[in-house]
């Protein structure tokens, strides 16, 4: 346990440091771990004007630039952040993120129990993630409300892990009303036959969206129509086109990976420098690059098949395995996913550390060293910037997310603390349920 935790901490910090050293040596725009200072907090400050008068303002919100692409409730989140104390929106947002991160870190530290060596190693890993974790820094730098969505969903997941299902459902529903893919966490309730609570989460999201559309007015349908132009602009610029070269390194969704693979085939190999010019050339084609339109048309079927496969593989695995898989799904299946969506892996990672210190180290459950090391390396690389890979940094994150799914699929982690039946823990200890990553790594 101690070795795996130390490997995680050292690797995450080292790769982060290397990414910044490479950028400062080369000063290439496509290797910078964050956006430029001119773009800092832009996802928040862009909406100062558009959110000033929201009541009856759907048409204004959905028209022109900056493009508004979120569900209706997100507009009121932006307004609360920007205008709670006018002129201090960025300070309020950063303070909110700091408080949430501190709270989650304290919760993980209190839940972690270990021996003389495992406990301190776990504490160092938790603190290092809270202070230096790249997804949080990236989100703070952008000023993106993914941090709010993450905080709501994370609190909901903490309630769920302690069997407080109604509170979990409401919070996950609230998060999903702002960015919809958080709704996938409700599958954890369905897996435990908590159908009423899962329905409560869906109803919560629906009612919040309906209320927001009504407020944007003049009625929900016209508000929806008013917001559509912004969504159309977003789809045209970021979905049915290749991502701009200065942004591609931050995108890691499955569709992003498919588009990157098509670009690589078009160029005849992995050529990050050539890609800069080729992206502009292909996007400039009349009507856009036809290959991308084909990929976008087939992607819904790919995503549904992937989600179905994920459910089939993980539906009978323990809570921690399912939580990890859904955290990956939320950052993998959107049409576009920036590195701030990796925040949704913070709770699965924290739960893994708690499991390692509280149960695996104490002998209440088992996890082979190969599995521990695979988890440690994968999480370390996901939580560090890989921008020295330039345009292919996002593809590397995509491959790491898929690797995390594989490790979670072959490494059952039954936990009484997280609500798995005691009999399941006992069967795992006697080797009666699934293989773990040690067998995979040995094969």
Protein backbone atom coordinates (compact mmCIF):
# COMPACT_ATOMS: atom_id res chain seq x y z
CA UNK A 1 0.00 0.00 0.00
CA UNK A 2 2.67 2.45 1.05
CA UNK A 3 4.77 1.87 -2.07
CA UNK A 4 1.80 2.38 -4.39
CA UNK A 5 0.78 5.59 -2.65
CA UNK A 6 4.32 6.95 -2.79
CA UNK A 7 4.62 5.98 -6.47
CA UNK A 8 1.41 7.89 -7.17
CA UNK A 9 2.55 11.03 -5.35
CA UNK A 10 6.08 11.11 -6.76
CA UNK A 11 4.95 10.36 -10.32
CA UNK A 12 2.14 12.93 -10.32
CA UNK A 13 4.39 15.68 -8.98
CA UNK A 14 7.31 14.74 -11.24
CA UNK A 15 5.30 14.65 -14.46
CA UNK A 16 3.67 17.97 -13.55
CA UNK A 17 7.10 19.50 -13.05
CA UNK A 18 8.42 18.06 -16.31
CA UNK A 19 5.48 19.49 -18.26
CA UNK A 20 6.24 23.00 -17.03
CA UNK A 21 9.99 22.60 -17.61
CA UNK A 22 9.40 21.48 -21.21
CA UNK A 23 7.13 24.46 -21.87
CA UNK A 24 9.52 26.98 -20.31
CA UNK A 25 12.37 25.55 -22.39
CA UNK A 26 10.51 25.49 -25.72
CA UNK A 27 7.88 28.20 -25.22
CA UNK A 28 5.61 26.49 -27.74
CA UNK A 29 1.96 27.47 -27.44
CA UNK A 30 0.81 23.87 -27.98
CA UNK A 31 2.86 22.62 -25.00
CA UNK A 32 1.66 25.15 -22.43
CA UNK A 33 -0.07 23.32 -19.52
CA UNK A 34 -2.65 26.12 -19.19
CA UNK A 35 -4.14 28.74 -21.47
CA UNK A 36 -2.44 32.11 -21.80
CA UNK A 37 -2.96 34.82 -19.17
CA UNK A 38 -5.19 36.72 -21.59
CA UNK A 39 -7.64 33.79 -21.53
CA UNK A 40 -7.53 33.21 -17.77
CA UNK A 41 -10.97 32.85 -16.13
CA UNK A 42 -12.53 33.50 -19.55
CA UNK A 43 -15.21 30.78 -19.15
CA UNK A 44 -16.56 32.85 -16.25
CA UNK A 45 -15.89 36.43 -17.28
CA UNK A 46 -17.27 35.91 -20.79
CA UNK A 47 -20.79 35.83 -19.35
CA UNK A 48 -20.72 39.04 -17.33
CA UNK A 49 -22.85 40.82 -19.90
CA UNK A 50 -25.08 37.93 -20.94
CA UNK A 51 -26.15 37.06 -17.39
CA UNK A 52 -26.83 40.61 -16.22
CA UNK A 53 -30.58 40.37 -16.97
CA UNK A 54 -31.73 36.75 -17.20
CA UNK A 55 -35.47 37.04 -16.58
CA UNK A 56 -37.01 36.81 -20.03
CA UNK A 57 -33.53 36.90 -21.54
CA UNK A 58 -33.28 33.53 -23.30
CA UNK A 59 -32.95 35.05 -26.77
CA UNK A 60 -30.11 37.34 -25.68
CA UNK A 61 -28.36 34.50 -23.87
CA UNK A 62 -28.50 32.16 -26.87
CA UNK A 63 -27.57 34.68 -29.54
CA UNK A 64 -24.09 35.65 -30.74
CA UNK A 65 -20.79 35.60 -28.91
CA UNK A 66 -19.60 34.58 -26.41
CA UNK A 67 -21.43 31.37 -27.21
CA UNK A 68 -23.67 30.03 -24.43
CA UNK A 69 -23.86 26.23 -24.69
CA UNK A 70 -25.14 25.03 -21.31
CA UNK A 71 -28.56 23.96 -20.03
CA UNK A 72 -30.70 26.81 -18.71
CA UNK A 73 -29.88 26.37 -14.97
CA UNK A 74 -26.18 27.02 -15.65
CA UNK A 75 -27.00 30.64 -16.51
CA UNK A 76 -28.26 31.22 -12.98
CA UNK A 77 -25.14 29.58 -11.55
CA UNK A 78 -23.02 31.98 -13.56
CA UNK A 79 -25.15 34.91 -12.40
CA UNK A 80 -24.78 33.86 -8.76
CA UNK A 81 -21.01 33.65 -9.08
CA UNK A 82 -20.61 36.88 -11.05
CA UNK A 83 -23.13 39.12 -9.31
CA UNK A 84 -23.28 37.84 -5.71
CA UNK A 85 -20.64 40.50 -5.05
CA UNK A 86 -20.34 42.55 -8.26
CA UNK A 87 -16.77 42.83 -9.45
CA UNK A 88 -15.56 39.87 -7.41
CA UNK A 89 -16.89 36.94 -9.43
CA UNK A 90 -13.45 35.37 -9.92
CA UNK A 91 -12.59 35.72 -6.23
CA UNK A 92 -15.90 34.12 -5.23
CA UNK A 93 -15.38 31.25 -7.67
CA UNK A 94 -11.82 30.54 -6.54
CA UNK A 95 -12.89 30.74 -2.89
CA UNK A 96 -15.71 28.29 -3.59
CA UNK A 97 -13.28 25.84 -5.23
CA UNK A 98 -10.78 26.19 -2.36
CA UNK A 99 -13.44 25.55 0.30
CA UNK A 100 -14.82 22.52 -1.55
CA UNK A 101 -11.37 21.05 -2.15
CA UNK A 102 -10.39 21.57 1.48
CA UNK A 103 -13.62 19.97 2.65
CA UNK A 104 -13.21 16.89 0.45
CA UNK A 105 -9.56 16.53 1.48
CA UNK A 106 -10.47 16.68 5.17
CA UNK A 107 -13.26 14.13 4.63
CA UNK A 108 -10.84 11.75 2.87
CA UNK A 109 -8.19 12.22 5.56
CA UNK A 110 -10.69 11.51 8.33
CA UNK A 111 -12.03 8.42 6.57
CA UNK A 112 -8.53 7.04 5.92
CA UNK A 113 -7.11 4.80 8.58
CA UNK A 114 -3.83 3.03 8.19
CA UNK A 115 -0.80 1.61 9.89
CA UNK A 116 2.25 3.60 10.90
CA UNK A 117 3.42 3.84 7.28
CA UNK A 118 0.25 3.57 5.18
CA UNK A 119 -1.60 6.38 6.97
CA UNK A 120 1.05 9.09 6.36
CA UNK A 121 1.53 7.94 2.75
CA UNK A 122 -2.22 8.23 2.17
CA UNK A 123 -2.29 11.68 3.75
CA UNK A 124 0.55 12.85 1.49
CA UNK A 125 -1.27 11.51 -1.59
CA UNK A 126 -4.53 13.24 -0.63
CA UNK A 127 -2.86 16.58 0.14
CA UNK A 128 -0.73 16.44 -3.02
CA UNK A 129 -3.84 15.85 -5.12
CA UNK A 130 -5.76 18.67 -3.43
CA UNK A 131 -2.93 21.16 -3.83
CA UNK A 132 -1.26 20.16 -7.11
CA UNK A 133 -3.86 18.08 -8.99
CA UNK A 134 -3.99 19.33 -12.58
CA UNK A 135 -7.77 18.99 -13.15
CA UNK A 136 -8.46 21.48 -10.35
CA UNK A 137 -5.80 23.93 -11.53
CA UNK A 138 -7.11 23.71 -15.07
CA UNK A 139 -10.69 24.31 -13.95
CA UNK A 140 -9.67 27.26 -11.77
CA UNK A 141 -7.63 28.76 -14.61
CA UNK A 142 -10.60 28.52 -16.98
CA UNK A 143 -13.22 29.67 -14.46
CA UNK A 144 -15.46 26.87 -15.73
CA UNK A 145 -18.58 25.88 -13.80
CA UNK A 146 -17.50 22.25 -14.06
CA UNK A 147 -16.14 22.96 -10.57
CA UNK A 148 -19.67 23.64 -9.31
CA UNK A 149 -21.03 20.53 -11.03
CA UNK A 150 -18.20 18.46 -9.57
CA UNK A 151 -18.77 19.82 -6.06
CA UNK A 152 -22.50 19.03 -6.13
CA UNK A 153 -22.00 15.57 -7.59
CA UNK A 154 -19.10 14.85 -5.23
CA UNK A 155 -21.11 15.71 -2.12
CA UNK A 156 -23.91 13.56 -3.52
CA UNK A 157 -21.50 10.66 -4.02
CA UNK A 158 -20.20 11.03 -0.47
CA UNK A 159 -23.79 10.73 0.76
CA UNK A 160 -24.33 7.73 -1.51
CA UNK A 161 -21.21 5.95 -0.26
CA UNK A 162 -22.61 6.29 3.28
CA UNK A 163 -26.07 5.04 2.19
CA UNK A 164 -27.87 8.39 2.40
CA UNK A 165 -29.58 7.81 -0.89
CA UNK A 166 -32.20 10.59 -1.06
CA UNK A 167 -29.72 13.36 -0.38
CA UNK A 168 -27.39 11.76 -2.94
CA UNK A 169 -30.13 11.64 -5.56
CA UNK A 170 -31.11 15.29 -5.11
CA UNK A 171 -27.52 16.56 -5.32
CA UNK A 172 -26.68 14.43 -8.35
CA UNK A 173 -29.89 15.66 -9.99
CA UNK A 174 -28.91 19.27 -9.31
CA UNK A 175 -25.47 18.67 -10.85
CA UNK A 176 -27.03 17.02 -13.90
CA UNK A 177 -29.34 20.00 -14.45
CA UNK A 178 -26.21 22.14 -15.05
CA UNK A 179 -24.16 19.63 -17.05
CA UNK A 180 -26.16 16.53 -17.96
CA UNK A 181 -23.60 13.71 -17.94
CA UNK A 182 -23.53 13.70 -14.12
CA UNK A 183 -26.88 11.91 -14.37
CA UNK A 184 -24.90 8.71 -14.99
CA UNK A 185 -24.05 8.57 -11.28
CA UNK A 186 -27.71 7.68 -10.65
CA UNK A 187 -26.90 4.26 -12.12
CA UNK A 188 -25.26 3.54 -8.77
CA UNK A 189 -28.71 3.81 -7.20
CA UNK A 190 -30.29 1.59 -9.86
CA UNK A 191 -27.60 -1.04 -9.23
CA UNK A 192 -28.74 -1.10 -5.58
CA UNK A 193 -32.42 -1.24 -6.56
CA UNK A 194 -33.02 2.23 -5.19
CA UNK A 195 -35.48 2.99 -7.94
CA UNK A 196 -37.45 5.67 -6.08
CA UNK A 197 -34.29 7.55 -5.19
CA UNK A 198 -33.00 7.33 -8.78
CA UNK A 199 -36.34 8.66 -10.00
CA UNK A 200 -36.06 11.47 -7.44
CA UNK A 201 -32.72 12.46 -8.99
CA UNK A 202 -34.19 12.53 -12.51
CA UNK A 203 -37.24 14.50 -11.35
CA UNK A 204 -34.99 16.97 -9.50
CA UNK A 205 -32.98 17.63 -12.66
CA UNK A 206 -36.12 17.96 -14.76
CA UNK A 207 -37.86 20.37 -12.40
CA UNK A 208 -34.78 22.58 -12.07
CA UNK A 209 -34.40 22.75 -15.85
CA UNK A 210 -38.11 23.52 -16.27
CA UNK A 211 -37.95 26.27 -13.63
CA UNK A 212 -34.87 27.81 -15.26
CA UNK A 213 -36.46 27.75 -18.73
CA UNK A 214 -39.60 29.34 -17.31
CA UNK A 215 -37.55 32.12 -15.73
CA UNK A 216 -35.64 32.73 -18.95
CA UNK A 217 -39.07 32.92 -20.59
CA UNK A 218 -41.39 33.96 -21.85
CA UNK A 219 -42.25 30.25 -21.53
CA UNK A 220 -40.17 27.03 -21.42
CA UNK A 221 -40.59 26.21 -25.12
CA UNK A 222 -39.67 29.69 -26.35
CA UNK A 223 -36.75 29.79 -23.90
CA UNK A 224 -35.51 26.51 -25.33
CA UNK A 225 -35.81 27.90 -28.86
CA UNK A 226 -33.97 31.03 -27.76
CA UNK A 227 -31.02 29.00 -26.47
CA UNK A 228 -30.72 26.81 -29.59
CA UNK A 229 -28.62 29.23 -31.70
CA UNK A 230 -25.81 29.13 -29.14
CA UNK A 231 -25.82 25.34 -29.14
CA UNK A 232 -25.74 25.33 -32.94
CA UNK A 233 -22.72 27.63 -32.96
CA UNK A 234 -20.95 25.39 -30.45
CA UNK A 235 -21.67 22.25 -32.48
CA UNK A 236 -20.39 23.93 -35.63
CA UNK A 237 -17.16 25.16 -34.03
CA UNK A 238 -16.20 22.34 -31.66
CA UNK A 239 -18.09 19.18 -32.60
CA UNK A 240 -18.34 19.05 -36.39
CA UNK A 241 -14.85 20.54 -36.69
CA UNK A 242 -11.43 19.55 -35.43
CA UNK A 243 -10.58 21.32 -32.19
CA UNK A 244 -8.26 24.32 -32.73
CA UNK A 245 -4.59 23.40 -32.36
CA UNK A 246 -4.23 25.66 -29.31
CA UNK A 247 -7.01 23.77 -27.51
CA UNK A 248 -6.79 20.17 -28.75
CA UNK A 249 -4.27 19.11 -26.10
CA UNK A 250 -6.91 19.67 -23.41
CA UNK A 251 -9.66 17.50 -24.99
CA UNK A 252 -9.94 13.79 -24.28
CA UNK A 253 -13.48 12.57 -25.01
CA UNK A 254 -14.01 9.43 -27.06
CA UNK A 255 -15.18 11.56 -30.00
CA UNK A 256 -12.10 13.76 -29.63
CA UNK A 257 -9.99 10.61 -29.86
CA UNK A 258 -11.82 9.43 -32.96
CA UNK A 259 -11.23 12.79 -34.66
CA UNK A 260 -7.57 12.77 -33.66
CA UNK A 261 -7.16 9.26 -35.07
CA UNK A 262 -8.71 10.41 -38.36
CA UNK A 263 -6.32 13.36 -38.46
CA UNK A 264 -3.35 11.08 -37.82
CA UNK A 265 -4.39 8.82 -40.70
CA UNK A 266 -4.84 11.86 -42.94
CA UNK A 267 -1.32 13.07 -42.11
CA UNK A 268 0.18 9.61 -42.56
CA UNK A 269 1.49 9.36 -39.00
CA UNK A 270 1.84 11.05 -35.62
CA UNK A 271 3.12 14.52 -36.53
CA UNK A 272 2.24 17.10 -33.87
CA UNK A 273 3.95 19.99 -35.65
CA UNK A 274 2.36 19.24 -39.02
CA UNK A 275 -1.01 18.90 -37.32
CA UNK A 276 -1.09 22.62 -36.46
CA UNK A 277 -1.35 23.65 -40.09
CA UNK A 278 -3.41 20.66 -41.20
CA UNK A 279 -6.12 21.34 -38.63
CA UNK A 280 -6.61 24.85 -40.00
CA UNK A 281 -6.60 23.59 -43.59
CA UNK A 282 -9.14 20.83 -42.97
CA UNK A 283 -11.44 23.07 -40.92
CA UNK A 284 -11.33 25.65 -43.73
CA UNK A 285 -12.78 23.22 -46.28
CA UNK A 286 -16.21 24.35 -47.51
CA UNK A 287 -18.75 22.73 -45.21
CA UNK A 288 -15.98 21.36 -43.02
CA UNK A 289 -13.95 18.17 -43.31
CA UNK A 290 -16.42 15.43 -44.43
CA UNK A 291 -14.69 12.77 -42.32
CA UNK A 292 -15.63 14.62 -39.13
CA UNK A 293 -19.29 14.79 -40.15
CA UNK A 294 -19.26 11.02 -40.64
CA UNK A 295 -17.69 10.46 -37.23
CA UNK A 296 -20.24 12.74 -35.55
CA UNK A 297 -23.11 10.84 -37.17
CA UNK A 298 -21.89 7.45 -35.98
CA UNK A 299 -20.73 8.65 -32.55
CA UNK A 300 -24.11 8.35 -30.77
CA UNK A 301 -24.15 4.65 -31.63
CA UNK A 302 -20.53 4.26 -30.49
CA UNK A 303 -21.31 6.01 -27.20
CA UNK A 304 -24.45 3.95 -26.56
CA UNK A 305 -22.58 0.74 -27.31
CA UNK A 306 -19.75 1.80 -25.01
CA UNK A 307 -22.11 2.69 -22.20
CA UNK A 308 -23.96 -0.60 -22.66
CA UNK A 309 -20.68 -2.52 -22.50
CA UNK A 310 -19.68 -0.61 -19.37
CA UNK A 311 -22.97 -1.49 -17.66
CA UNK A 312 -22.66 -5.14 -18.67
CA UNK A 313 -19.10 -5.42 -17.33
CA UNK A 314 -19.54 -3.50 -14.08
CA UNK A 315 -23.14 -4.20 -13.04
CA UNK A 316 -22.21 -7.00 -10.63
CA UNK A 317 -18.93 -5.56 -9.39
CA UNK A 318 -18.57 -3.78 -6.02
CA UNK A 319 -19.49 -0.16 -5.38
CA UNK A 320 -15.95 1.23 -5.73
CA UNK A 321 -15.48 -0.43 -9.11
CA UNK A 322 -18.81 0.94 -10.36
CA UNK A 323 -18.04 4.40 -9.02
CA UNK A 324 -14.71 4.41 -10.86
CA UNK A 325 -16.31 3.26 -14.10
CA UNK A 326 -19.00 5.95 -14.00
CA UNK A 327 -16.45 8.63 -13.14
CA UNK A 328 -14.60 7.62 -16.30
CA UNK A 329 -17.82 7.52 -18.34
CA UNK A 330 -18.74 11.09 -17.39
CA UNK A 331 -15.43 12.40 -18.72
CA UNK A 332 -15.27 10.00 -21.69
CA UNK A 333 -18.64 10.10 -23.46
CA UNK A 334 -19.49 13.83 -23.92
CA UNK A 335 -19.12 15.25 -27.42
CA UNK A 336 -16.19 17.29 -26.08
CA UNK A 337 -14.50 16.96 -22.70
CA UNK A 338 -11.87 19.34 -21.36
CA UNK A 339 -9.39 18.34 -18.68
CA UNK A 340 -11.54 19.92 -15.96
CA UNK A 341 -13.98 17.01 -16.35
CA UNK A 342 -11.29 14.81 -14.78
CA UNK A 343 -12.43 16.35 -11.48
CA UNK A 344 -15.11 13.66 -11.48
CA UNK A 345 -12.36 11.12 -10.78
CA UNK A 346 -11.41 12.81 -7.49
CA UNK A 347 -14.10 11.03 -5.46
CA UNK A 348 -13.29 7.58 -6.96
CA UNK A 349 -9.61 8.23 -6.24
CA UNK A 350 -10.32 9.38 -2.69
CA UNK A 351 -12.55 6.34 -2.14
CA UNK A 352 -9.75 4.11 -3.43
CA UNK A 353 -7.31 5.62 -0.91
CA UNK A 354 -9.84 5.10 1.88
CA UNK A 355 -10.34 1.50 0.75
CA UNK A 356 -6.60 0.89 0.66
CA UNK A 357 -5.95 2.27 4.12
CA UNK A 358 -9.10 1.25 5.91
CA UNK A 359 -9.71 -2.24 4.54
CA UNK A 360 -6.97 -3.59 2.26
CA UNK A 361 -4.14 -2.63 4.62
CA UNK A 362 -6.10 -4.02 7.56
CA UNK A 363 -6.72 -7.35 5.85
CA UNK A 364 -10.50 -6.91 5.61
CA UNK A 365 -10.25 -7.05 1.82
CA UNK A 366 -7.50 -7.77 -0.68
CA UNK A 367 -6.02 -5.97 -3.66
CA UNK A 368 -2.97 -7.41 -5.41
CA UNK A 369 0.16 -5.27 -5.72
CA UNK A 370 -0.14 -5.27 -9.52
CA UNK A 371 -3.59 -3.71 -9.20
CA UNK A 372 -2.38 -1.16 -6.68
CA UNK A 373 0.51 -0.12 -8.89
CA UNK A 374 -1.70 0.07 -12.00
CA UNK A 375 -4.17 2.32 -10.19
CA UNK A 376 -1.35 4.48 -8.82
CA UNK A 377 0.35 5.04 -12.16
CA UNK A 378 -2.89 5.63 -14.08
CA UNK A 379 -4.30 8.15 -11.61
CA UNK A 380 -0.94 9.93 -11.34
CA UNK A 381 -0.78 10.49 -15.09
CA UNK A 382 -4.44 11.52 -15.30
CA UNK A 383 -3.97 14.11 -12.56
CA UNK A 384 -0.82 15.59 -14.13
CA UNK A 385 -0.50 17.71 -17.30
CA UNK A 386 0.85 15.76 -20.27
CA UNK A 387 1.12 18.79 -22.52
CA UNK A 388 4.69 17.97 -23.54
CA UNK A 389 2.88 15.63 -25.95
CA UNK A 390 1.40 18.72 -27.63
CA UNK A 391 -1.77 18.02 -29.63
CA UNK A 392 -1.68 14.36 -28.55
CA UNK A 393 -1.89 15.09 -24.80
CA UNK A 394 -5.65 14.62 -24.91
CA UNK A 395 -5.27 11.29 -26.70
CA UNK A 396 -2.88 10.13 -23.98
CA UNK A 397 -5.51 11.01 -21.36
CA UNK A 398 -8.12 9.09 -23.36
CA UNK A 399 -5.92 5.99 -23.40
CA UNK A 400 -5.31 6.37 -19.66
CA UNK A 401 -9.05 6.57 -19.02
CA UNK A 402 -9.56 3.36 -20.98
CA UNK A 403 -6.71 1.76 -19.02
CA UNK A 404 -8.37 2.83 -15.76
CA UNK A 405 -11.56 1.10 -16.89
CA UNK A 406 -9.65 -2.10 -17.61
CA UNK A 407 -7.89 -2.08 -14.23
CA UNK A 408 -11.17 -1.39 -12.42
CA UNK A 409 -12.92 -4.15 -14.38
CA UNK A 410 -10.41 -6.85 -13.40
CA UNK A 411 -9.75 -5.71 -9.80
CA UNK A 412 -12.83 -6.27 -7.59
CA UNK A 413 -12.73 -4.05 -4.48
CA UNK A 414 -15.60 -5.15 -2.20
CA UNK A 415 -15.90 -2.88 0.81
CA UNK A 416 -18.18 -3.15 3.81
CA UNK A 417 -17.41 0.50 4.56
CA UNK A 418 -18.92 1.50 1.20
CA UNK A 419 -21.96 -0.73 1.63
CA UNK A 420 -21.02 -3.95 -0.16
CA UNK A 421 -22.47 -7.07 1.50
CA UNK A 422 -20.18 -8.79 3.98
CA UNK A 423 -20.55 -12.05 2.07
CA UNK A 424 -19.18 -10.43 -1.07
CA UNK A 425 -16.07 -9.32 0.80
CA UNK A 426 -15.59 -12.83 2.14
CA UNK A 427 -15.98 -14.42 -1.31
CA UNK A 428 -13.39 -12.03 -2.71
CA UNK A 429 -10.95 -12.94 0.05
CA UNK A 430 -11.35 -16.64 -0.74
CA UNK A 431 -10.91 -16.02 -4.47
CA UNK A 432 -14.50 -16.82 -5.46
CA UNK A 433 -15.13 -13.64 -7.43
CA UNK A 434 -13.42 -12.13 -10.45
CA UNK A 435 -9.73 -12.01 -11.29
CA UNK A 436 -7.66 -8.98 -10.33
CA UNK A 437 -5.10 -6.94 -12.19
CA UNK A 438 -2.26 -9.12 -10.99
CA UNK A 439 -3.53 -11.93 -13.20
CA UNK A 440 -3.88 -9.53 -16.11
CA UNK A 441 -0.39 -8.14 -15.69
CA UNK A 442 1.06 -11.62 -15.39
CA UNK A 443 -0.61 -12.87 -18.54
